[in-house]
Amino acid sequence: MKYIKVFETNGLEYEQALLKGSSQLSQLQDIVGGYIEVVQIGGGEIAIVNEEGLIYGLPYNQNASMLSGQDLVGNVVIMDYADLD
């Protein structure tokens, strides 16, 4: 089983089992609260963010931003690119 790292804007961080197949997209959309955007962060890892996070004025995600080296807003999933179905 593969796991993703979830970084919420309130500072909460946890791991969650990654679903397979068509359920994976729904899972990621539920976590970020909308359509997803994939952001390359290096080392084979990606950040999954809300595609419209800036438009909706989602709060800054300090922990995910520090980890990725980029300014990210809203809840963020960090995972290996190879784990995407």
Protein backbone atom coordinates (compact mmCIF):
# COMPACT_ATOMS: atom_id res chain seq x y z
CA MET A 1 0.00 0.00 0.00
CA LYS A 2 1.23 3.49 -0.86
CA TYR A 3 0.82 6.57 1.33
CA ILE A 4 0.51 10.29 0.74
CA LYS A 5 1.43 13.12 3.10
CA VAL A 6 -1.34 15.64 3.78
CA PHE A 7 -0.54 19.18 4.96
CA GLU A 8 -3.55 21.16 6.15
CA THR A 9 -3.44 24.94 6.47
CA ASN A 10 -4.06 24.68 10.23
CA GLY A 11 -0.66 22.98 10.64
CA LEU A 12 -2.01 19.44 10.91
CA GLU A 13 0.13 16.88 9.04
CA TYR A 14 -0.65 13.20 8.56
CA GLU A 15 -0.22 10.24 6.24
CA GLN A 16 -3.13 8.63 4.45
CA ALA A 17 -3.39 5.49 2.34
CA LEU A 18 -3.53 6.31 -1.37
CA LEU A 19 -6.51 4.84 -3.19
CA LYS A 20 -6.09 3.18 -6.59
CA GLY A 21 -7.64 3.78 -9.98
CA SER A 22 -10.51 6.19 -10.53
CA SER A 23 -11.00 6.62 -6.76
CA GLN A 24 -7.59 8.30 -6.55
CA LEU A 25 -8.73 11.50 -8.31
CA SER A 26 -11.78 11.83 -6.04
CA GLN A 27 -9.61 11.28 -2.98
CA LEU A 28 -7.16 14.01 -3.98
CA GLN A 29 -9.96 16.44 -4.90
CA ASP A 30 -11.63 15.86 -1.53
CA ILE A 31 -8.40 16.65 0.32
CA VAL A 32 -7.59 19.87 -1.56
CA GLY A 33 -11.24 20.93 -1.85
CA GLY A 34 -11.61 21.18 -5.62
CA TYR A 35 -9.93 20.59 -8.95
CA ILE A 36 -6.32 19.48 -8.59
CA GLU A 37 -3.14 20.96 -9.98
CA VAL A 38 0.16 19.07 -9.97
CA VAL A 39 3.22 21.08 -8.91
CA GLN A 40 6.68 19.59 -9.46
CA ILE A 41 8.84 19.95 -6.34
CA GLY A 42 11.86 17.83 -7.28
CA GLY A 43 13.32 14.53 -6.19
CA GLY A 44 10.48 12.67 -7.89
CA GLU A 45 7.93 14.27 -5.60
CA ILE A 46 4.93 16.39 -6.50
CA ALA A 47 2.53 18.60 -4.60
CA ILE A 48 -1.18 18.31 -5.32
CA VAL A 49 -2.94 21.63 -4.71
CA ASN A 50 -6.31 23.23 -5.39
CA GLU A 51 -6.12 24.57 -8.94
CA GLU A 52 -8.20 27.62 -7.98
CA GLY A 53 -6.68 28.15 -4.53
CA LEU A 54 -5.34 31.62 -5.30
CA ILE A 55 -8.60 32.70 -6.94
CA TYR A 56 -10.58 31.60 -3.86
CA GLY A 57 -8.08 33.21 -1.48
CA LEU A 58 -7.26 29.98 0.34
CA PRO A 59 -4.93 30.44 3.30
CA TYR A 60 -1.16 30.14 2.93
CA ASN A 61 0.16 26.67 3.79
CA GLN A 62 3.39 27.36 5.65
CA ASN A 63 4.51 23.78 6.23
CA ALA A 64 3.91 22.58 2.67
CA SER A 65 5.50 25.75 1.29
CA MET A 66 8.65 25.24 3.38
CA LEU A 67 8.90 21.61 2.29
CA SER A 68 8.35 22.33 -1.40
CA GLY A 69 10.30 25.57 -1.66
CA GLN A 70 7.28 27.24 -3.31
CA ASP A 71 4.40 29.35 -2.02
CA LEU A 72 1.39 27.02 -1.74
CA VAL A 73 -2.13 27.72 -0.50
CA GLY A 74 -4.88 25.50 0.82
CA ASN A 75 -4.53 21.88 1.88
CA VAL A 76 -1.67 20.17 0.06
CA VAL A 77 -0.79 16.55 -0.71
CA ILE A 78 2.87 15.61 -1.15
CA MET A 79 3.49 12.31 -2.92
CA ASP A 80 5.78 10.49 -5.32
CA TYR A 81 4.98 11.22 -8.95
CA ALA A 82 5.32 7.49 -9.76
CA ASP A 83 2.37 6.73 -7.44
CA LEU A 84 -0.18 8.61 -9.60
CA ASP A 85 -2.58 6.30 -11.46
